[in-house]
Amino acid sequence: MGHRLGMRQIIITRYAYGYAGSRGVAVINILASIGWSTLSSIQAGQLLVALSSSIPLAAAILVISFITVIIAIFGYGALHHFERYAWIPTWISILVMLITNVTKLSTASSSSTNDIGAIVSYATIIYSAPSIWTTNAADFTVKQSTRFDSRHVALLSYAGGVIPVILLETFGLVLATTALSGQNGWEEANDVGGLVHAALSPLGTCGSFLFGILALSTITHNIPNAYGLGLMLQNLFPAIQHWIFTLASVCVYTILAIAGSDHLYTIFQNMLPFMTYFYGPYAIILILEHFYFRLGSFKQYSRDAWNQASLLPKGIAAWFATLLGYTSAFLGIKQPWYVGPMAQAIGVEGGDIGIPIAMLVAAATYIPLRKIELRKYKH
């Protein structure tokens, strides 16, 4: 939608959530992005520390953040140019790691009736990772030519977000549960750095080099986050330049990563998945708004209304449906601190179905409420 409307994602959000309502979406996304960037920075630091124990974790995190901010403050052009090539050495390193450990792979023995629950929960994890992209999607397609077919742009964006996640998550799962299962070094450390180090250690110096590439590859995740954070904050305070917000955001999550690398990391790991149940309702509401209420036509969007609250929806229907869907997700979530009643019915230990529940409830709620909103307010 971004390249056809010429609008950033948070601006497009206004056409369903309203002017004021889009600010709420921005705040939620800001908090989530800072949280995930904090986790990513800590994990990157763990990788560098695993490479060389002489490197303090704080110094490793600072290196990652410095490279991130240098690229992100120069805007979309620098970001796009960097990301265009950064994936190549990363995937070469991953393929080498896979080839190195392929002979160790085995079929994990299992006869547990909890397999279904584990599979469902794993599918939810795979979905939740790229789902966060929905609140930033148009930010990275807005500069595409309007000559491009919207379906092709959507398909490529979807494939670019989903395929790498499926491949990496699956490889990580297989690596941890079969090839390197029982190697207590990384299991006791319980971190990503230990797992990757164990996978590449047979390669000696070459393995250390590839390990360093993978450690730095986390930058490719943090740079778009930093850029998106700047846009979200600029939506709240439009008078301030984007690069200032980008710099401030990186400083904030760097401080959090360094100060909380021990305890905050665990807290964020447990609490941030709790926020992913918001993105399902958000995505389905924008899909319904575009295809159901605006008939899939970009002509149905008044470009002059983007900054005029009186010409935009009130956002009541969108927020009510979002909150109801989000609340309903608790019936089916499976997290370390809570397992919903519907989740408990899947397998022995439960399976996470919170996101599909949230999306179904939000969709069923939004359609009738949006019709009422349109009749009453005309927008």
Protein backbone atom coordinates (compact mmCIF):
# COMPACT_ATOMS: atom_id res chain seq x y z
CA MET A 1 0.00 0.00 0.00
CA GLY A 2 2.85 2.35 0.75
CA HIS A 3 4.07 2.74 -2.83
CA ARG A 4 0.56 3.36 -4.18
CA LEU A 5 -0.54 5.85 -1.54
CA GLY A 6 2.85 7.48 -0.99
CA MET A 7 2.35 7.19 2.77
CA ARG A 8 4.25 5.69 5.66
CA GLN A 9 2.68 2.83 7.60
CA ILE A 10 1.61 4.87 10.61
CA ILE A 11 -0.13 7.36 8.29
CA ILE A 12 -2.00 4.55 6.53
CA THR A 13 -3.00 3.34 9.99
CA ARG A 14 -4.98 6.58 10.42
CA TYR A 15 -7.45 5.43 7.76
CA ALA A 16 -8.72 2.76 10.15
CA TYR A 17 -7.62 3.84 13.63
CA GLY A 18 -8.14 7.56 13.18
CA TYR A 19 -5.73 10.43 13.81
CA ALA A 20 -5.58 10.09 17.58
CA GLY A 21 -5.91 6.31 17.49
CA SER A 22 -2.85 5.94 15.27
CA ARG A 23 -0.80 7.54 18.02
CA GLY A 24 -1.73 4.68 20.30
CA VAL A 25 -0.50 2.22 17.68
CA ALA A 26 2.73 4.22 17.42
CA VAL A 27 3.31 4.10 21.19
CA ILE A 28 2.80 0.32 21.31
CA ASN A 29 5.14 -0.19 18.39
CA ILE A 30 7.77 2.09 19.91
CA LEU A 31 7.77 0.08 23.14
CA ALA A 32 7.89 -3.24 21.29
CA SER A 33 10.66 -2.11 18.92
CA ILE A 34 12.82 -0.84 21.76
CA GLY A 35 12.29 -4.12 23.60
CA TRP A 36 13.16 -6.33 20.63
CA SER A 37 16.16 -4.15 19.74
CA THR A 38 17.38 -4.49 23.33
CA LEU A 39 17.13 -8.28 23.10
CA SER A 40 18.82 -8.31 19.71
CA SER A 41 21.69 -6.17 21.00
CA ILE A 42 22.22 -8.45 24.00
CA GLN A 43 22.20 -11.53 21.76
CA ALA A 44 24.69 -9.89 19.40
CA GLY A 45 26.88 -9.07 22.37
CA GLN A 46 26.69 -12.69 23.54
CA LEU A 47 27.87 -13.82 20.12
CA LEU A 48 30.90 -11.51 20.21
CA VAL A 49 31.74 -12.51 23.78
CA ALA A 50 31.51 -16.17 22.80
CA LEU A 51 33.96 -15.40 19.98
CA SER A 52 36.46 -13.84 22.38
CA SER A 53 36.02 -13.94 26.14
CA SER A 54 38.34 -10.93 26.45
CA ILE A 55 35.61 -8.69 24.99
CA PRO A 56 33.31 -7.28 27.71
CA LEU A 57 29.62 -7.69 26.94
CA ALA A 58 29.06 -3.93 27.31
CA ALA A 59 31.76 -3.18 24.74
CA ALA A 60 30.30 -5.71 22.31
CA ILE A 61 26.85 -4.12 22.61
CA LEU A 62 28.34 -0.65 22.05
CA VAL A 63 30.01 -1.81 18.83
CA ILE A 64 26.73 -3.20 17.50
CA SER A 65 24.81 -0.03 18.41
CA PHE A 66 27.47 2.28 16.94
CA ILE A 67 27.38 0.59 13.54
CA THR A 68 23.57 0.54 13.67
CA VAL A 69 23.16 4.25 14.32
CA ILE A 70 25.80 5.30 11.77
CA ILE A 71 23.74 3.70 9.00
CA ALA A 72 20.22 4.36 10.31
CA ILE A 73 20.55 8.13 10.78
CA PHE A 74 21.29 8.60 7.08
CA GLY A 75 17.80 7.40 6.21
CA TYR A 76 16.21 4.96 3.83
CA GLY A 77 18.80 5.23 1.05
CA ALA A 78 21.72 4.18 3.25
CA LEU A 79 19.61 1.50 4.93
CA HIS A 80 18.45 0.03 1.63
CA HIS A 81 21.94 0.02 0.14
CA PHE A 82 23.37 -1.73 3.21
CA GLU A 83 20.60 -4.34 3.45
CA ARG A 84 20.88 -5.10 -0.28
CA TYR A 85 24.28 -6.70 0.24
CA ALA A 86 24.49 -7.51 3.96
CA TRP A 87 22.44 -10.69 3.62
CA ILE A 88 24.98 -12.35 1.31
CA PRO A 89 27.82 -13.05 3.80
CA THR A 90 25.23 -13.87 6.45
CA TRP A 91 23.58 -16.60 4.41
CA ILE A 92 26.93 -17.96 3.24
CA SER A 93 27.92 -18.33 6.90
CA ILE A 94 24.64 -20.06 7.72
CA LEU A 95 24.99 -22.46 4.79
CA VAL A 96 28.54 -23.34 5.83
CA MET A 97 27.30 -23.95 9.37
CA LEU A 98 24.56 -26.22 8.01
CA ILE A 99 26.97 -28.18 5.81
CA THR A 100 29.40 -28.56 8.70
CA ASN A 101 26.77 -30.09 10.95
CA VAL A 102 24.66 -31.98 8.41
CA THR A 103 26.32 -35.30 9.23
CA LYS A 104 25.34 -34.87 12.89
CA LEU A 105 21.67 -34.39 12.13
CA SER A 106 19.34 -37.15 13.20
CA THR A 107 15.65 -37.78 13.63
CA ALA A 108 14.62 -36.63 17.06
CA SER A 109 12.93 -39.49 18.86
CA SER A 110 9.51 -38.60 20.16
CA SER A 111 6.37 -40.37 21.16
CA SER A 112 4.88 -37.66 23.31
CA THR A 113 1.25 -36.73 22.88
CA ASN A 114 2.43 -33.17 23.41
CA ASP A 115 3.85 -33.08 19.88
CA ILE A 116 0.74 -31.34 18.54
CA GLY A 117 0.93 -28.63 21.18
CA ALA A 118 4.64 -28.09 20.54
CA ILE A 119 4.09 -27.89 16.78
CA VAL A 120 1.25 -25.38 17.16
CA SER A 121 3.31 -23.24 19.53
CA TYR A 122 6.27 -23.39 17.18
CA ALA A 123 4.09 -22.26 14.26
CA THR A 124 2.93 -19.33 16.39
CA ILE A 125 6.54 -18.37 17.09
CA ILE A 126 7.35 -18.42 13.38
CA TYR A 127 4.32 -16.25 12.61
CA SER A 128 4.93 -13.79 15.43
CA ALA A 129 8.46 -12.90 14.31
CA PRO A 130 7.54 -11.30 10.94
CA SER A 131 4.12 -10.12 12.18
CA ILE A 132 5.78 -7.16 13.90
CA TRP A 133 6.72 -6.00 10.40
CA THR A 134 3.08 -5.10 9.72
CA THR A 135 3.40 -1.83 11.64
CA ASN A 136 6.39 -0.80 9.48
CA ALA A 137 5.67 -2.47 6.14
CA ALA A 138 4.79 0.62 4.10
CA ASP A 139 7.86 2.47 5.41
CA PHE A 140 10.00 0.23 3.22
CA THR A 141 7.78 0.08 0.13
CA VAL A 142 6.77 3.75 -0.08
CA LYS A 143 9.65 4.57 -2.42
CA GLN A 144 8.82 1.79 -4.88
CA SER A 145 7.59 2.93 -8.28
CA THR A 146 3.82 3.17 -8.72
CA ARG A 147 4.30 1.25 -11.97
CA PHE A 148 4.95 -1.90 -9.96
CA ASP A 149 1.98 -4.20 -9.51
CA SER A 150 0.78 -3.95 -5.91
CA ARG A 151 0.33 -7.71 -5.77
CA HIS A 152 3.96 -8.26 -6.71
CA VAL A 153 5.17 -5.78 -4.09
CA ALA A 154 2.98 -7.43 -1.45
CA LEU A 155 4.11 -10.94 -2.44
CA LEU A 156 7.80 -10.04 -2.41
CA SER A 157 7.48 -8.22 0.92
CA TYR A 158 5.69 -11.22 2.41
CA ALA A 159 8.20 -13.70 1.02
CA GLY A 160 11.12 -11.59 2.20
CA GLY A 161 9.75 -11.57 5.73
CA VAL A 162 8.48 -15.12 6.04
CA ILE A 163 10.87 -17.38 4.11
CA PRO A 164 14.07 -16.40 6.00
CA VAL A 165 12.27 -16.76 9.33
CA ILE A 166 11.01 -20.25 8.51
CA LEU A 167 14.43 -21.38 7.30
CA LEU A 168 16.36 -19.93 10.24
CA GLU A 169 13.89 -21.02 12.92
CA THR A 170 13.78 -24.54 11.51
CA PHE A 171 17.55 -24.81 11.20
CA GLY A 172 18.01 -23.49 14.74
CA LEU A 173 15.49 -25.99 16.08
CA VAL A 174 17.12 -28.93 14.31
CA LEU A 175 20.59 -27.79 15.32
CA ALA A 176 19.68 -27.50 18.99
CA THR A 177 17.55 -30.64 19.30
CA THR A 178 19.56 -33.11 17.23
CA ALA A 179 23.01 -32.13 15.96
CA LEU A 180 24.21 -30.38 19.13
CA SER A 181 21.86 -31.91 21.64
CA GLY A 182 23.75 -33.02 24.73
CA GLN A 183 26.67 -30.65 24.30
CA ASN A 184 26.36 -29.13 27.74
CA GLY A 185 28.59 -26.16 27.04
CA TRP A 186 26.02 -24.14 25.14
CA GLU A 187 22.99 -25.66 26.89
CA GLU A 188 24.28 -24.60 30.29
CA ALA A 189 25.06 -21.13 28.98
CA ASN A 190 21.54 -21.05 27.52
CA ASP A 191 22.34 -18.41 24.92
CA VAL A 192 22.45 -18.08 21.16
CA GLY A 193 26.17 -17.33 21.18
CA GLY A 194 27.00 -20.68 22.75
CA LEU A 195 24.88 -22.59 20.23
CA VAL A 196 26.40 -20.92 17.17
CA HIS A 197 29.92 -21.23 18.59
CA ALA A 198 29.41 -24.96 19.15
CA ALA A 199 28.18 -25.34 15.56
CA LEU A 200 31.17 -23.54 14.02
CA SER A 201 33.96 -24.60 16.39
CA PRO A 202 35.01 -27.60 14.22
CA LEU A 203 36.12 -25.15 11.50
CA GLY A 204 38.80 -23.51 13.65
CA THR A 205 39.92 -20.05 12.46
CA CYS A 206 37.47 -20.09 9.56
CA GLY A 207 34.69 -20.88 12.01
CA SER A 208 35.70 -17.92 14.16
CA PHE A 209 35.58 -15.65 11.11
CA LEU A 210 32.10 -16.87 10.15
CA PHE A 211 31.05 -16.55 13.77
CA GLY A 212 32.07 -12.88 13.69
CA ILE A 213 30.01 -12.32 10.54
CA LEU A 214 26.94 -13.85 12.18
CA ALA A 215 27.46 -11.74 15.28
CA LEU A 216 27.54 -8.57 13.21
CA SER A 217 24.58 -9.73 11.10
CA THR A 218 22.24 -8.79 13.95
CA ILE A 219 22.83 -5.23 12.80
CA THR A 220 20.62 -5.95 9.78
CA HIS A 221 17.73 -6.40 12.22
CA ASN A 222 18.48 -3.37 14.38
CA ILE A 223 18.95 -0.86 11.55
CA PRO A 224 15.36 -1.09 10.18
CA ASN A 225 14.12 -1.04 13.78
CA ALA A 226 16.04 2.15 14.51
CA TYR A 227 14.79 3.75 11.29
CA GLY A 228 11.20 2.72 12.04
CA LEU A 229 11.44 3.99 15.61
CA GLY A 230 12.40 7.39 14.27
CA LEU A 231 9.33 7.46 12.02
CA MET A 232 7.00 6.38 14.84
CA LEU A 233 8.33 9.02 17.21
CA GLN A 234 8.12 11.63 14.48
CA ASN A 235 4.43 10.82 14.17
CA LEU A 236 4.04 11.88 17.80
CA PHE A 237 6.34 14.91 17.55
CA PRO A 238 6.44 15.95 13.87
CA ALA A 239 8.48 19.12 14.46
CA ILE A 240 11.58 17.14 15.43
CA GLN A 241 13.80 15.69 12.71
CA HIS A 242 13.84 11.97 12.08
CA TRP A 243 17.56 11.42 12.65
CA ILE A 244 17.35 12.86 16.17
CA PHE A 245 14.72 10.30 17.14
CA THR A 246 16.73 7.52 15.53
CA LEU A 247 19.82 8.48 17.50
CA ALA A 248 17.84 8.80 20.74
CA SER A 249 16.16 5.41 20.22
CA VAL A 250 19.46 3.62 19.72
CA CYS A 251 20.88 5.31 22.84
CA VAL A 252 17.88 4.20 24.91
CA TYR A 253 17.95 0.54 23.95
CA THR A 254 21.75 0.43 24.17
CA ILE A 255 21.58 1.62 27.78
CA LEU A 256 18.86 -0.94 28.50
CA ALA A 257 20.90 -3.70 26.88
CA ILE A 258 24.06 -2.90 28.85
CA ALA A 259 22.34 -2.25 32.17
CA GLY A 260 19.94 -5.17 31.92
CA SER A 261 21.97 -7.84 30.16
CA ASP A 262 21.57 -10.16 33.16
CA HIS A 263 18.06 -9.70 34.51
CA LEU A 264 16.29 -7.48 31.96
CA TYR A 265 17.05 -9.97 29.18
CA THR A 266 15.01 -12.68 30.89
CA ILE A 267 12.19 -10.26 31.71
CA PHE A 268 12.00 -9.05 28.10
CA GLN A 269 12.10 -12.61 26.80
CA ASN A 270 9.04 -13.43 28.88
CA MET A 271 7.11 -10.18 28.40
CA LEU A 272 7.72 -9.15 24.77
CA PRO A 273 5.90 -12.17 23.28
CA PHE A 274 2.92 -10.85 25.23
CA MET A 275 2.92 -7.82 22.89
CA THR A 276 2.90 -9.86 19.68
CA TYR A 277 -0.79 -10.68 20.17
CA PHE A 278 -1.52 -7.05 19.26
CA TYR A 279 -0.18 -7.35 15.72
CA GLY A 280 -2.64 -10.01 14.55
CA PRO A 281 -5.73 -7.84 15.20
CA TYR A 282 -3.93 -4.80 13.79
CA ALA A 283 -3.13 -6.60 10.54
CA ILE A 284 -6.59 -8.09 10.02
CA ILE A 285 -8.26 -4.72 10.68
CA LEU A 286 -6.18 -2.97 8.02
CA ILE A 287 -6.84 -5.85 5.60
CA LEU A 288 -10.61 -5.62 6.18
CA GLU A 289 -10.54 -1.84 5.90
CA HIS A 290 -8.81 -2.02 2.54
CA PHE A 291 -10.52 -4.98 0.90
CA TYR A 292 -13.96 -4.98 2.54
CA PHE A 293 -14.78 -1.35 3.26
CA ARG A 294 -12.66 0.34 0.56
CA LEU A 295 -13.21 -2.47 -1.96
CA GLY A 296 -9.48 -2.93 -2.50
CA SER A 297 -9.31 0.40 -4.34
CA PHE A 298 -6.67 3.02 -3.58
CA LYS A 299 -9.06 5.63 -4.95
CA GLN A 300 -11.14 5.13 -1.81
CA TYR A 301 -8.40 6.82 0.24
CA SER A 302 -8.62 10.61 0.35
CA ARG A 303 -5.00 11.73 0.25
CA ASP A 304 -6.00 15.16 1.55
CA ALA A 305 -7.35 13.63 4.75
CA TRP A 306 -4.10 12.17 6.06
CA ASN A 307 -3.56 14.96 8.62
CA GLN A 308 -7.15 16.11 9.14
CA ALA A 309 -8.80 14.31 12.02
CA SER A 310 -12.28 15.41 10.95
CA LEU A 311 -11.93 13.60 7.59
CA LEU A 312 -10.55 10.38 9.07
CA PRO A 313 -12.34 7.56 10.90
CA LYS A 314 -12.83 8.07 14.61
CA GLY A 315 -10.99 4.83 15.26
CA ILE A 316 -13.55 3.60 17.78
CA ALA A 317 -14.35 0.43 15.83
CA ALA A 318 -10.69 -0.34 15.17
CA TRP A 319 -9.57 0.08 18.75
CA PHE A 320 -12.54 -1.75 20.27
CA ALA A 321 -11.97 -4.69 17.91
CA THR A 322 -8.24 -4.64 18.62
CA LEU A 323 -8.66 -4.62 22.39
CA LEU A 324 -11.35 -7.30 22.32
CA GLY A 325 -9.24 -9.47 20.03
CA TYR A 326 -6.17 -8.92 22.18
CA THR A 327 -8.04 -9.79 25.36
CA SER A 328 -9.52 -12.90 23.74
CA ALA A 329 -6.01 -14.09 22.91
CA PHE A 330 -5.52 -14.92 26.59
CA LEU A 331 -7.86 -17.86 26.10
CA GLY A 332 -5.33 -19.48 23.81
CA ILE A 333 -1.89 -18.19 24.76
CA LYS A 334 0.88 -20.38 26.10
CA GLN A 335 3.65 -18.47 27.78
CA PRO A 336 5.99 -19.31 30.68
CA TRP A 337 3.86 -17.27 33.06
CA TYR A 338 0.38 -18.21 31.82
CA VAL A 339 -1.41 -20.88 29.78
CA GLY A 340 -4.96 -20.12 28.62
CA PRO A 341 -7.80 -22.65 28.97
CA MET A 342 -8.08 -23.26 25.22
CA ALA A 343 -4.32 -23.64 24.92
CA GLN A 344 -4.34 -26.25 27.69
CA ALA A 345 -6.59 -28.48 25.58
CA ILE A 346 -3.87 -28.90 22.93
CA GLY A 347 -1.40 -31.66 23.77
CA VAL A 348 -0.15 -32.35 27.28
CA GLU A 349 1.47 -29.02 28.09
CA GLY A 350 -0.66 -26.92 25.77
CA GLY A 351 -0.27 -25.18 22.43
CA ASP A 352 -0.33 -21.47 21.66
CA ILE A 353 -3.33 -20.46 19.52
CA GLY A 354 -3.65 -16.94 20.90
CA ILE A 355 -2.90 -15.11 17.66
CA PRO A 356 -5.53 -16.84 15.46
CA ILE A 357 -8.12 -16.36 18.23
CA ALA A 358 -7.24 -12.67 18.46
CA MET A 359 -7.51 -12.24 14.69
CA LEU A 360 -10.85 -14.05 14.41
CA VAL A 361 -12.42 -12.08 17.26
CA ALA A 362 -11.07 -8.78 15.95
CA ALA A 363 -12.40 -9.48 12.44
CA ALA A 364 -15.84 -10.54 13.70
CA THR A 365 -16.03 -7.41 15.84
CA TYR A 366 -14.62 -4.86 13.41
CA ILE A 367 -17.00 -5.45 10.51
CA PRO A 368 -20.28 -4.61 12.31
CA LEU A 369 -18.74 -1.83 14.42
CA ARG A 370 -17.12 -0.18 11.40
CA LYS A 371 -20.46 -0.20 9.60
CA ILE A 372 -22.03 1.58 12.56
CA GLU A 373 -19.14 4.03 12.69
CA LEU A 374 -19.52 4.82 8.98
CA ARG A 375 -23.25 5.42 9.31
CA LYS A 376 -22.79 7.73 12.27
CA TYR A 377 -19.66 9.69 11.34
CA LYS A 378 -19.50 9.21 7.52
CA HIS A 379 -15.76 8.43 7.68
